Amino acid sequence: MRLAVNPTRMELQRLKKRLVLAHRGHKLLKDKQDELMRQFMSLVKAIRGLRQEVEEGLELAFRSFTLFRSQFAPQEAEEALALPSKRINLQVEERQVMNFRVPVFTAQISGKMRCYGFYNTNSDLDRSLRGLEKVLEKMLRLAQEEKTLQLLAQEIERTRRRVNALEYILIPSLQETIKYIDMKLSEMERGNLTRLMKIKEMLAER
């Protein structure tokens, strides 16, 4: 779509400069998009393995807890877990990645996961809580990486829209407008040349 501008030489020079900047911006954004995609795919692979470890750990822990619940009354299970001493203090900071920020989780973990007597419990509960304790830090890391992945996907989409806007809208519009002004200036030059030739002929006839 041609831009609504006056077909003058000054405007032509201005548009040519804009076109150079648009090409440069397009290349930079395309490079950024490629790098973001590389990081995205690398993170997807890392998350896939980490998620599998977390899910396997949780499955084992829940399986042991189900066995524990099947052997004790609900009230006894609630009493055993009524006073947990495990505490997690989660701090969320940010780091810069290619002009946007991603979260960094720092966890301070204190206390014990197993804080009950042995009278109304059994080894299944021990295995369950031990399994949860092993997978806890991985769960926190998984949450951080998945949030980073989400933000990466949003940044890729924003960058993709900018690349497409430059590639399919702004640059073609500038090129079409420059071509139009070139054509109009050429027509004006031919018109001026024709008029000068006619004036010369008229002066020669006198």
N, C-alpha and C. Protein backbone atom coordinates (compact mmCIF):
# COMPACT_ATOMS: atom_id res chain seq x y z
N MET A 1 0.85 -1.19 0.00
CA MET A 1 0.00 0.00 0.00
C MET A 1 0.89 1.24 0.00
N ARG A 2 0.62 2.11 -0.97
CA ARG A 2 1.46 3.30 -1.11
C ARG A 2 1.17 4.30 0.01
N LEU A 3 2.21 4.94 0.52
CA LEU A 3 2.05 5.94 1.56
C LEU A 3 1.57 7.25 0.96
N ALA A 4 0.80 7.99 1.75
CA ALA A 4 0.27 9.28 1.29
C ALA A 4 1.31 10.37 1.54
N VAL A 5 2.17 10.62 0.55
CA VAL A 5 3.22 11.64 0.67
C VAL A 5 3.28 12.45 -0.61
N ASN A 6 3.91 13.61 -0.50
CA ASN A 6 4.10 14.45 -1.69
C ASN A 6 5.29 13.92 -2.51
N PRO A 7 5.12 13.80 -3.81
CA PRO A 7 6.21 13.27 -4.66
C PRO A 7 7.30 14.31 -4.91
N THR A 8 8.11 14.57 -3.90
CA THR A 8 9.22 15.53 -4.03
C THR A 8 10.55 14.81 -3.81
N ARG A 9 11.64 15.45 -4.25
CA ARG A 9 12.96 14.85 -4.08
C ARG A 9 13.33 14.72 -2.60
N MET A 10 12.94 15.71 -1.82
CA MET A 10 13.23 15.66 -0.39
C MET A 10 12.52 14.47 0.25
N GLU A 11 11.26 14.27 -0.12
CA GLU A 11 10.50 13.14 0.40
C GLU A 11 11.09 11.82 -0.07
N LEU A 12 11.58 11.81 -1.30
CA LEU A 12 12.20 10.60 -1.84
C LEU A 12 13.45 10.22 -1.03
N GLN A 13 14.28 11.20 -0.70
CA GLN A 13 15.48 10.93 0.08
C GLN A 13 15.12 10.44 1.49
N ARG A 14 14.09 11.06 2.05
CA ARG A 14 13.66 10.66 3.40
C ARG A 14 13.16 9.22 3.41
N LEU A 15 12.39 8.86 2.39
CA LEU A 15 11.85 7.50 2.31
C LEU A 15 12.95 6.47 2.06
N LYS A 16 13.95 6.83 1.29
CA LYS A 16 15.05 5.91 1.05
C LYS A 16 15.83 5.63 2.34
N LYS A 17 15.99 6.68 3.16
CA LYS A 17 16.65 6.48 4.45
C LYS A 17 15.80 5.58 5.35
N ARG A 18 14.48 5.81 5.34
CA ARG A 18 13.59 4.96 6.13
C ARG A 18 13.66 3.51 5.67
N LEU A 19 13.77 3.31 4.37
CA LEU A 19 13.85 1.96 3.83
C LEU A 19 15.12 1.24 4.29
N VAL A 20 16.24 1.99 4.29
CA VAL A 20 17.50 1.40 4.77
C VAL A 20 17.37 1.01 6.24
N LEU A 21 16.78 1.90 7.05
CA LEU A 21 16.59 1.60 8.48
C LEU A 21 15.63 0.42 8.68
N ALA A 22 14.59 0.36 7.85
CA ALA A 22 13.63 -0.73 7.95
C ALA A 22 14.29 -2.08 7.65
N HIS A 23 15.14 -2.12 6.61
CA HIS A 23 15.86 -3.35 6.28
C HIS A 23 16.80 -3.75 7.43
N ARG A 24 17.47 -2.74 8.00
CA ARG A 24 18.40 -3.02 9.09
C ARG A 24 17.64 -3.54 10.32
N GLY A 25 16.52 -2.88 10.64
CA GLY A 25 15.70 -3.32 11.76
C GLY A 25 15.14 -4.72 11.54
N HIS A 26 14.74 -5.00 10.30
CA HIS A 26 14.21 -6.32 9.98
C HIS A 26 15.26 -7.40 10.21
N LYS A 27 16.49 -7.12 9.78
CA LYS A 27 17.57 -8.11 9.96
C LYS A 27 17.86 -8.36 11.44
N LEU A 28 17.90 -7.25 12.22
CA LEU A 28 18.17 -7.40 13.66
C LEU A 28 17.07 -8.19 14.35
N LEU A 29 15.81 -7.88 14.01
CA LEU A 29 14.70 -8.59 14.63
C LEU A 29 14.66 -10.05 14.20
N LYS A 30 15.02 -10.31 12.93
CA LYS A 30 15.04 -11.69 12.45
C LYS A 30 16.13 -12.48 13.19
N ASP A 31 17.29 -11.86 13.38
CA ASP A 31 18.36 -12.51 14.14
C ASP A 31 17.91 -12.77 15.58
N LYS A 32 17.23 -11.80 16.17
CA LYS A 32 16.71 -11.96 17.53
C LYS A 32 15.71 -13.11 17.58
N GLN A 33 14.82 -13.16 16.60
CA GLN A 33 13.82 -14.23 16.55
C GLN A 33 14.48 -15.60 16.44
N ASP A 34 15.50 -15.70 15.61
CA ASP A 34 16.21 -16.98 15.45
C ASP A 34 16.89 -17.41 16.75
N GLU A 35 17.50 -16.45 17.45
CA GLU A 35 18.16 -16.77 18.71
C GLU A 35 17.15 -17.15 19.79
N LEU A 36 16.02 -16.45 19.82
CA LEU A 36 14.97 -16.80 20.77
C LEU A 36 14.44 -18.21 20.51
N MET A 37 14.27 -18.54 19.23
CA MET A 37 13.79 -19.88 18.89
C MET A 37 14.81 -20.94 19.30
N ARG A 38 16.10 -20.63 19.13
CA ARG A 38 17.14 -21.59 19.53
C ARG A 38 17.08 -21.83 21.04
N GLN A 39 16.95 -20.73 21.80
CA GLN A 39 16.85 -20.87 23.25
C GLN A 39 15.57 -21.60 23.65
N PHE A 40 14.49 -21.31 22.94
CA PHE A 40 13.21 -21.95 23.23
C PHE A 40 13.30 -23.47 23.07
N MET A 41 13.84 -23.91 21.93
CA MET A 41 13.94 -25.35 21.67
C MET A 41 14.88 -26.04 22.66
N SER A 42 15.97 -25.35 23.02
CA SER A 42 16.90 -25.91 24.00
C SER A 42 16.22 -26.06 25.35
N LEU A 43 15.42 -25.06 25.73
CA LEU A 43 14.72 -25.10 27.01
C LEU A 43 13.63 -26.17 27.00
N VAL A 44 12.97 -26.35 25.87
CA VAL A 44 11.93 -27.39 25.76
C VAL A 44 12.53 -28.76 26.05
N LYS A 45 13.71 -29.03 25.48
CA LYS A 45 14.36 -30.32 25.71
C LYS A 45 14.73 -30.50 27.18
N ALA A 46 15.26 -29.44 27.79
CA ALA A 46 15.64 -29.53 29.20
C ALA A 46 14.42 -29.75 30.09
N ILE A 47 13.33 -29.04 29.79
CA ILE A 47 12.11 -29.15 30.59
C ILE A 47 11.49 -30.54 30.44
N ARG A 48 11.56 -31.08 29.23
CA ARG A 48 10.98 -32.41 29.00
C ARG A 48 11.61 -33.45 29.93
N GLY A 49 12.95 -33.43 30.02
CA GLY A 49 13.64 -34.37 30.90
C GLY A 49 13.35 -34.10 32.37
N LEU A 50 13.35 -32.81 32.75
CA LEU A 50 13.11 -32.45 34.14
C LEU A 50 11.68 -32.80 34.56
N ARG A 51 10.73 -32.54 33.68
CA ARG A 51 9.33 -32.87 33.98
C ARG A 51 9.16 -34.37 34.18
N GLN A 52 9.82 -35.16 33.35
CA GLN A 52 9.72 -36.60 33.48
C GLN A 52 10.24 -37.06 34.85
N GLU A 53 11.37 -36.48 35.29
CA GLU A 53 11.93 -36.83 36.60
C GLU A 53 10.96 -36.45 37.72
N VAL A 54 10.36 -35.26 37.61
CA VAL A 54 9.42 -34.80 38.64
C VAL A 54 8.19 -35.69 38.68
N GLU A 55 7.64 -36.01 37.52
CA GLU A 55 6.43 -36.83 37.48
C GLU A 55 6.70 -38.24 38.02
N GLU A 56 7.86 -38.80 37.69
CA GLU A 56 8.19 -40.13 38.22
C GLU A 56 8.36 -40.10 39.73
N GLY A 57 9.02 -39.04 40.24
CA GLY A 57 9.20 -38.90 41.68
C GLY A 57 7.88 -38.73 42.41
N LEU A 58 6.99 -37.90 41.84
CA LEU A 58 5.68 -37.69 42.46
C LEU A 58 4.83 -38.95 42.41
N GLU A 59 4.94 -39.68 41.32
CA GLU A 59 4.16 -40.92 41.20
C GLU A 59 4.55 -41.92 42.30
N LEU A 60 5.85 -42.06 42.52
CA LEU A 60 6.31 -42.98 43.57
C LEU A 60 5.86 -42.50 44.95
N ALA A 61 5.97 -41.19 45.18
CA ALA A 61 5.57 -40.64 46.48
C ALA A 61 4.07 -40.81 46.71
N PHE A 62 3.26 -40.53 45.70
CA PHE A 62 1.81 -40.67 45.85
C PHE A 62 1.40 -42.14 46.00
N ARG A 63 2.14 -43.02 45.33
CA ARG A 63 1.83 -44.45 45.46
C ARG A 63 2.05 -44.91 46.90
N SER A 64 3.17 -44.49 47.49
CA SER A 64 3.45 -44.87 48.88
C SER A 64 2.44 -44.24 49.83
N PHE A 65 2.03 -42.99 49.54
CA PHE A 65 1.05 -42.32 50.40
C PHE A 65 -0.31 -43.01 50.32
N THR A 66 -0.67 -43.48 49.13
CA THR A 66 -1.94 -44.19 48.97
C THR A 66 -1.93 -45.49 49.78
N LEU A 67 -0.79 -46.17 49.77
CA LEU A 67 -0.67 -47.38 50.59
C LEU A 67 -0.82 -47.06 52.07
N PHE A 68 -0.20 -45.95 52.48
CA PHE A 68 -0.32 -45.53 53.88
C PHE A 68 -1.78 -45.22 54.24
N ARG A 69 -2.46 -44.47 53.38
CA ARG A 69 -3.86 -44.11 53.65
C ARG A 69 -4.77 -45.33 53.70
N SER A 70 -4.42 -46.34 52.92
CA SER A 70 -5.27 -47.54 52.90
C SER A 70 -5.17 -48.36 54.19
N GLN A 71 -4.14 -48.11 54.97
CA GLN A 71 -3.92 -48.92 56.18
C GLN A 71 -4.27 -48.18 57.47
N PHE A 72 -4.54 -46.89 57.35
CA PHE A 72 -4.85 -46.10 58.54
C PHE A 72 -6.13 -45.31 58.31
N ALA A 73 -6.80 -44.99 59.40
CA ALA A 73 -8.02 -44.19 59.31
C ALA A 73 -7.68 -42.77 58.88
N PRO A 74 -8.60 -42.08 58.18
CA PRO A 74 -8.33 -40.69 57.73
C PRO A 74 -7.90 -39.78 58.87
N GLN A 75 -8.51 -39.94 60.04
CA GLN A 75 -8.16 -39.08 61.17
C GLN A 75 -6.71 -39.30 61.61
N GLU A 76 -6.26 -40.55 61.59
CA GLU A 76 -4.89 -40.85 61.97
C GLU A 76 -3.90 -40.26 60.98
N ALA A 77 -4.24 -40.30 59.67
CA ALA A 77 -3.38 -39.71 58.65
C ALA A 77 -3.29 -38.21 58.82
N GLU A 78 -4.42 -37.56 59.12
CA GLU A 78 -4.42 -36.11 59.32
C GLU A 78 -3.61 -35.73 60.55
N GLU A 79 -3.73 -36.51 61.61
CA GLU A 79 -2.98 -36.21 62.84
C GLU A 79 -1.47 -36.34 62.61
N ALA A 80 -1.07 -37.33 61.81
CA ALA A 80 0.35 -37.54 61.55
C ALA A 80 0.97 -36.37 60.79
N LEU A 81 0.15 -35.72 59.96
CA LEU A 81 0.66 -34.64 59.11
C LEU A 81 0.19 -33.26 59.57
N ALA A 82 -0.34 -33.18 60.78
CA ALA A 82 -0.95 -31.93 61.24
C ALA A 82 0.06 -30.84 61.55
N LEU A 83 1.27 -31.20 61.97
CA LEU A 83 2.25 -30.20 62.39
C LEU A 83 3.53 -30.31 61.58
N PRO A 84 3.50 -29.93 60.31
CA PRO A 84 4.73 -30.02 59.51
C PRO A 84 5.75 -28.97 59.94
N SER A 85 7.01 -29.34 59.91
CA SER A 85 8.06 -28.39 60.29
C SER A 85 8.87 -27.92 59.07
N LYS A 86 8.58 -28.48 57.92
CA LYS A 86 9.30 -28.09 56.71
C LYS A 86 8.82 -26.71 56.27
N ARG A 87 9.76 -25.82 56.03
CA ARG A 87 9.43 -24.45 55.61
C ARG A 87 10.21 -24.10 54.34
N ILE A 88 9.54 -23.44 53.44
CA ILE A 88 10.19 -22.99 52.19
C ILE A 88 9.99 -21.49 52.06
N ASN A 89 11.09 -20.77 52.02
CA ASN A 89 11.05 -19.33 51.79
C ASN A 89 11.52 -19.08 50.35
N LEU A 90 10.57 -18.73 49.50
CA LEU A 90 10.86 -18.60 48.07
C LEU A 90 11.04 -17.13 47.70
N GLN A 91 12.20 -16.80 47.15
CA GLN A 91 12.47 -15.44 46.67
C GLN A 91 12.50 -15.46 45.14
N VAL A 92 11.83 -14.49 44.56
CA VAL A 92 11.76 -14.42 43.10
C VAL A 92 12.49 -13.16 42.64
N GLU A 93 13.55 -13.37 41.87
CA GLU A 93 14.27 -12.25 41.26
C GLU A 93 14.14 -12.36 39.74
N GLU A 94 14.81 -11.48 39.04
CA GLU A 94 14.72 -11.48 37.58
C GLU A 94 16.10 -11.34 36.96
N ARG A 95 16.25 -11.90 35.78
CA ARG A 95 17.48 -11.68 35.01
C ARG A 95 17.11 -11.32 33.57
N GLN A 96 18.01 -10.61 32.94
CA GLN A 96 17.77 -10.10 31.59
C GLN A 96 18.19 -11.13 30.55
N VAL A 97 17.29 -11.39 29.62
CA VAL A 97 17.59 -12.27 28.48
C VAL A 97 17.09 -11.58 27.21
N MET A 98 18.03 -11.04 26.42
CA MET A 98 17.70 -10.43 25.13
C MET A 98 16.56 -9.42 25.25
N ASN A 99 16.73 -8.44 26.11
CA ASN A 99 15.82 -7.31 26.27
C ASN A 99 14.49 -7.66 26.91
N PHE A 100 14.37 -8.81 27.54
CA PHE A 100 13.21 -9.06 28.37
C PHE A 100 13.65 -9.85 29.60
N ARG A 101 12.82 -9.84 30.62
CA ARG A 101 13.21 -10.37 31.93
C ARG A 101 12.52 -11.69 32.21
N VAL A 102 13.29 -12.62 32.81
CA VAL A 102 12.74 -13.93 33.19
C VAL A 102 12.98 -14.13 34.69
N PRO A 103 12.15 -14.95 35.33
CA PRO A 103 12.26 -15.12 36.79
C PRO A 103 13.40 -16.05 37.18
N VAL A 104 13.93 -15.79 38.37
CA VAL A 104 14.92 -16.67 38.98
C VAL A 104 14.43 -16.97 40.40
N PHE A 105 14.14 -18.24 40.68
CA PHE A 105 13.64 -18.64 41.99
C PHE A 105 14.81 -19.06 42.88
N THR A 106 14.83 -18.51 44.09
CA THR A 106 15.81 -18.92 45.10
C THR A 106 15.04 -19.39 46.33
N ALA A 107 15.23 -20.67 46.67
CA ALA A 107 14.48 -21.25 47.78
C ALA A 107 15.38 -21.50 48.98
N GLN A 108 14.94 -21.05 50.14
CA GLN A 108 15.60 -21.38 51.40
C GLN A 108 14.72 -22.38 52.13
N ILE A 109 15.20 -23.62 52.21
CA ILE A 109 14.42 -24.71 52.78
C ILE A 109 14.96 -25.06 54.15
N SER A 110 14.07 -25.13 55.13
CA SER A 110 14.49 -25.46 56.50
C SER A 110 13.49 -26.44 57.10
N GLY A 111 13.87 -27.05 58.20
CA GLY A 111 12.98 -27.98 58.90
C GLY A 111 13.03 -29.38 58.33
N LYS A 112 12.24 -30.24 58.91
CA LYS A 112 12.20 -31.64 58.51
C LYS A 112 10.86 -31.97 57.85
N MET A 113 10.91 -32.86 56.87
CA MET A 113 9.69 -33.30 56.22
C MET A 113 8.94 -34.29 57.12
N ARG A 114 9.70 -35.13 57.84
CA ARG A 114 9.07 -36.14 58.70
C ARG A 114 9.09 -35.63 60.14
N CYS A 115 7.93 -35.26 60.63
CA CYS A 115 7.83 -34.64 61.96
C CYS A 115 6.67 -35.28 62.75
N TYR A 116 6.63 -36.58 62.76
CA TYR A 116 5.54 -37.30 63.41
C TYR A 116 6.12 -38.47 64.19
N GLY A 117 5.32 -38.99 65.07
CA GLY A 117 5.74 -40.17 65.83
C GLY A 117 5.56 -41.43 65.00
N PHE A 118 6.07 -42.51 65.51
CA PHE A 118 6.01 -43.76 64.76
C PHE A 118 4.85 -44.66 65.18
N TYR A 119 4.06 -44.19 66.14
CA TYR A 119 2.99 -45.05 66.67
C TYR A 119 1.87 -45.25 65.63
N ASN A 120 1.40 -44.16 65.04
CA ASN A 120 0.27 -44.25 64.10
C ASN A 120 0.71 -44.08 62.65
N THR A 121 1.92 -44.44 62.34
CA THR A 121 2.41 -44.34 60.96
C THR A 121 3.16 -45.62 60.61
N ASN A 122 3.58 -45.70 59.35
CA ASN A 122 4.39 -46.84 58.93
C ASN A 122 5.42 -46.40 57.90
N SER A 123 6.16 -47.34 57.36
CA SER A 123 7.25 -47.01 56.43
C SER A 123 6.75 -46.45 55.10
N ASP A 124 5.48 -46.72 54.75
CA ASP A 124 4.94 -46.17 53.50
C ASP A 124 4.90 -44.64 53.55
N LEU A 125 4.50 -44.09 54.70
CA LEU A 125 4.49 -42.63 54.85
C LEU A 125 5.91 -42.09 54.80
N ASP A 126 6.86 -42.79 55.41
CA ASP A 126 8.26 -42.37 55.35
C ASP A 126 8.74 -42.29 53.90
N ARG A 127 8.45 -43.35 53.14
CA ARG A 127 8.88 -43.36 51.73
C ARG A 127 8.21 -42.25 50.93
N SER A 128 6.92 -42.02 51.24
CA SER A 128 6.19 -40.97 50.52
C SER A 128 6.81 -39.60 50.74
N LEU A 129 7.05 -39.25 52.00
CA LEU A 129 7.61 -37.93 52.31
C LEU A 129 9.06 -37.81 51.87
N ARG A 130 9.80 -38.92 51.97
CA ARG A 130 11.19 -38.90 51.49
C ARG A 130 11.22 -38.65 49.98
N GLY A 131 10.27 -39.26 49.25
CA GLY A 131 10.18 -39.04 47.81
C GLY A 131 9.83 -37.60 47.47
N LEU A 132 8.89 -37.02 48.24
CA LEU A 132 8.54 -35.62 48.02
C LEU A 132 9.72 -34.70 48.30
N GLU A 133 10.47 -35.02 49.34
CA GLU A 133 11.64 -34.20 49.69
C GLU A 133 12.69 -34.23 48.58
N LYS A 134 12.87 -35.40 47.96
CA LYS A 134 13.85 -35.52 46.89
C LYS A 134 13.45 -34.70 45.66
N VAL A 135 12.14 -34.63 45.41
CA VAL A 135 11.68 -34.02 44.17
C VAL A 135 11.35 -32.53 44.34
N LEU A 136 11.42 -32.04 45.58
CA LEU A 136 10.99 -30.67 45.87
C LEU A 136 11.78 -29.63 45.08
N GLU A 137 13.11 -29.71 45.15
CA GLU A 137 13.94 -28.71 44.46
C GLU A 137 13.76 -28.80 42.94
N LYS A 138 13.56 -30.01 42.44
CA LYS A 138 13.32 -30.17 41.00
C LYS A 138 12.00 -29.52 40.60
N MET A 139 11.01 -29.61 41.48
CA MET A 139 9.71 -28.97 41.20
C MET A 139 9.87 -27.45 41.10
N LEU A 140 10.65 -26.88 42.01
CA LEU A 140 10.89 -25.44 41.98
C LEU A 140 11.63 -25.04 40.70
N ARG A 141 12.64 -25.84 40.33
CA ARG A 141 13.38 -25.54 39.10
C ARG A 141 12.48 -25.69 37.87
N LEU A 142 11.61 -26.69 37.90
CA LEU A 142 10.68 -26.88 36.78
C LEU A 142 9.73 -25.70 36.65
N ALA A 143 9.24 -25.19 37.78
CA ALA A 143 8.35 -24.02 37.76
C ALA A 143 9.07 -22.81 37.16
N GLN A 144 10.33 -22.63 37.54
CA GLN A 144 11.11 -21.51 37.00
C GLN A 144 11.31 -21.65 35.50
N GLU A 145 11.68 -22.86 35.05
CA GLU A 145 11.96 -23.06 33.63
C GLU A 145 10.70 -22.97 32.79
N GLU A 146 9.58 -23.45 33.32
CA GLU A 146 8.33 -23.39 32.55
C GLU A 146 7.83 -21.94 32.45
N LYS A 147 8.03 -21.15 33.49
CA LYS A 147 7.66 -19.73 33.42
C LYS A 147 8.55 -19.01 32.41
N THR A 148 9.84 -19.35 32.42
CA THR A 148 10.76 -18.77 31.44
C THR A 148 10.34 -19.16 30.03
N LEU A 149 9.93 -20.41 29.86
CA LEU A 149 9.48 -20.88 28.54
C LEU A 149 8.24 -20.11 28.07
N GLN A 150 7.33 -19.87 29.00
CA GLN A 150 6.13 -19.11 28.66
C GLN A 150 6.48 -17.69 28.22
N LEU A 151 7.38 -17.04 28.97
CA LEU A 151 7.79 -15.67 28.61
C LEU A 151 8.55 -15.66 27.29
N LEU A 152 9.36 -16.68 27.04
CA LEU A 152 10.07 -16.80 25.77
C LEU A 152 9.09 -16.90 24.61
N ALA A 153 8.06 -17.72 24.80
CA ALA A 153 7.04 -17.88 23.74
C ALA A 153 6.34 -16.56 23.45
N GLN A 154 6.03 -15.79 24.49
CA GLN A 154 5.38 -14.49 24.29
C GLN A 154 6.30 -13.52 23.57
N GLU A 155 7.59 -13.53 23.93
CA GLU A 155 8.56 -12.64 23.27
C GLU A 155 8.77 -13.05 21.81
N ILE A 156 8.78 -14.35 21.55
CA ILE A 156 8.91 -14.83 20.16
C ILE A 156 7.73 -14.35 19.34
N GLU A 157 6.52 -14.42 19.91
CA GLU A 157 5.33 -14.00 19.19
C GLU A 157 5.36 -12.50 18.92
N ARG A 158 5.78 -11.71 19.92
CA ARG A 158 5.88 -10.25 19.70
C ARG A 158 6.91 -9.94 18.62
N THR A 159 8.05 -10.61 18.68
CA THR A 159 9.10 -10.38 17.69
C THR A 159 8.64 -10.81 16.30
N ARG A 160 7.92 -11.94 16.24
CA ARG A 160 7.42 -12.42 14.95
C ARG A 160 6.46 -11.41 14.31
N ARG A 161 5.60 -10.81 15.15
CA ARG A 161 4.66 -9.80 14.62
C ARG A 161 5.41 -8.58 14.08
N ARG A 162 6.47 -8.17 14.78
CA ARG A 162 7.25 -7.02 14.30
C ARG A 162 7.98 -7.35 13.01
N VAL A 163 8.55 -8.56 12.93
CA VAL A 163 9.24 -8.98 11.70
C VAL A 163 8.27 -8.99 10.54
N ASN A 164 7.08 -9.56 10.76
CA ASN A 164 6.09 -9.63 9.68
C ASN A 164 5.58 -8.25 9.28
N ALA A 165 5.43 -7.36 10.28
CA ALA A 165 4.97 -6.00 9.96
C ALA A 165 5.98 -5.28 9.07
N LEU A 166 7.27 -5.47 9.38
CA LEU A 166 8.31 -4.85 8.54
C LEU A 166 8.37 -5.51 7.17
N GLU A 167 8.34 -6.85 7.16
CA GLU A 167 8.56 -7.60 5.92
C GLU A 167 7.40 -7.49 4.94
N TYR A 168 6.16 -7.49 5.47
CA TYR A 168 5.00 -7.57 4.59
C TYR A 168 4.19 -6.28 4.50
N ILE A 169 4.48 -5.31 5.37
CA ILE A 169 3.70 -4.07 5.34
C ILE A 169 4.58 -2.86 5.09
N LEU A 170 5.49 -2.57 6.05
CA LEU A 170 6.25 -1.31 5.95
C LEU A 170 7.21 -1.31 4.77
N ILE A 171 8.05 -2.34 4.64
CA ILE A 171 9.05 -2.35 3.56
C ILE A 171 8.40 -2.34 2.19
N PRO A 172 7.37 -3.18 1.91
CA PRO A 172 6.71 -3.08 0.60
C PRO A 172 6.06 -1.72 0.35
N SER A 173 5.48 -1.12 1.42
CA SER A 173 4.87 0.21 1.26
C SER A 173 5.92 1.26 0.91
N LEU A 174 7.06 1.22 1.58
CA LEU A 174 8.14 2.15 1.28
C LEU A 174 8.65 1.95 -0.14
N GLN A 175 8.83 0.69 -0.53
CA GLN A 175 9.33 0.41 -1.89
C GLN A 175 8.34 0.88 -2.94
N GLU A 176 7.06 0.65 -2.71
CA GLU A 176 6.04 1.09 -3.67
C GLU A 176 5.98 2.61 -3.75
N THR A 177 6.09 3.27 -2.59
CA THR A 177 6.03 4.73 -2.57
C THR A 177 7.26 5.33 -3.26
N ILE A 178 8.44 4.76 -3.01
CA ILE A 178 9.66 5.24 -3.67
C ILE A 178 9.56 5.08 -5.18
N LYS A 179 9.04 3.94 -5.61
CA LYS A 179 8.85 3.71 -7.05
C LYS A 179 7.87 4.72 -7.64
N TYR A 180 6.80 5.00 -6.90
CA TYR A 180 5.80 5.96 -7.35
C TYR A 180 6.41 7.36 -7.48
N ILE A 181 7.19 7.78 -6.45
CA ILE A 181 7.79 9.12 -6.50
C ILE A 181 8.81 9.20 -7.63
N ASP A 182 9.60 8.14 -7.80
CA ASP A 182 10.55 8.11 -8.92
C ASP A 182 9.83 8.32 -10.25
N MET A 183 8.71 7.63 -10.41
CA MET A 183 7.95 7.73 -11.65
C MET A 183 7.39 9.14 -11.84
N LYS A 184 6.84 9.71 -10.75
CA LYS A 184 6.27 11.06 -10.84
C LYS A 184 7.35 12.09 -11.14
N LEU A 185 8.52 11.94 -10.49
CA LEU A 185 9.61 12.89 -10.75
C LEU A 185 10.10 12.76 -12.19
N SER A 186 10.16 11.52 -12.70
CA SER A 186 10.57 11.33 -14.11
C SER A 186 9.57 11.97 -15.05
N GLU A 187 8.26 11.82 -14.75
CA GLU A 187 7.23 12.46 -15.58
C GLU A 187 7.36 13.98 -15.54
N MET A 188 7.64 14.51 -14.35
CA MET A 188 7.79 15.96 -14.22
C MET A 188 9.01 16.45 -15.00
N GLU A 189 10.10 15.66 -14.94
CA GLU A 189 11.31 16.04 -15.69
C GLU A 189 11.05 16.02 -17.19
N ARG A 190 10.34 14.96 -17.65
CA ARG A 190 10.02 14.90 -19.08
C ARG A 190 9.12 16.05 -19.50
N GLY A 191 8.15 16.38 -18.61
CA GLY A 191 7.26 17.51 -18.91
C GLY A 191 8.03 18.82 -18.98
N ASN A 192 8.94 19.01 -18.01
CA ASN A 192 9.75 20.24 -18.02
C ASN A 192 10.64 20.30 -19.25
N LEU A 193 11.23 19.15 -19.64
CA LEU A 193 12.09 19.11 -20.81
C LEU A 193 11.30 19.43 -22.08
N THR A 194 10.08 18.87 -22.16
CA THR A 194 9.23 19.16 -23.33
C THR A 194 8.89 20.63 -23.42
N ARG A 195 8.55 21.25 -22.28
CA ARG A 195 8.23 22.67 -22.26
C ARG A 195 9.45 23.51 -22.67
N LEU A 196 10.63 23.14 -22.15
CA LEU A 196 11.84 23.89 -22.51
C LEU A 196 12.13 23.80 -24.00
N MET A 197 11.91 22.59 -24.57
CA MET A 197 12.16 22.42 -26.00
C MET A 197 11.18 23.26 -26.82
N LYS A 198 9.94 23.32 -26.36
CA LYS A 198 8.95 24.13 -27.08
C LYS A 198 9.29 25.61 -27.00
N ILE A 199 9.71 26.03 -25.81
CA ILE A 199 10.09 27.44 -25.66
C ILE A 199 11.29 27.76 -26.55
N LYS A 200 12.23 26.81 -26.60
CA LYS A 200 13.41 27.01 -27.46
C LYS A 200 13.02 27.12 -28.92
N GLU A 201 12.08 26.27 -29.34
CA GLU A 201 11.60 26.31 -30.74
C GLU A 201 10.91 27.64 -31.04
N MET A 202 10.10 28.09 -30.05
CA MET A 202 9.38 29.35 -30.26
C MET A 202 10.36 30.52 -30.35
N LEU A 203 11.39 30.47 -29.53
CA LEU A 203 12.39 31.54 -29.58
C LEU A 203 13.19 31.49 -30.89
N ALA A 204 13.43 30.28 -31.38
CA ALA A 204 14.19 30.13 -32.63
C ALA A 204 13.39 30.62 -33.82
N GLU A 205 12.06 30.53 -33.78
CA GLU A 205 11.21 30.96 -34.90
C GLU A 205 11.12 32.49 -35.00
N ARG A 206 11.43 33.18 -33.96
CA ARG A 206 11.31 34.65 -33.99
C ARG A 206 12.48 35.30 -34.71
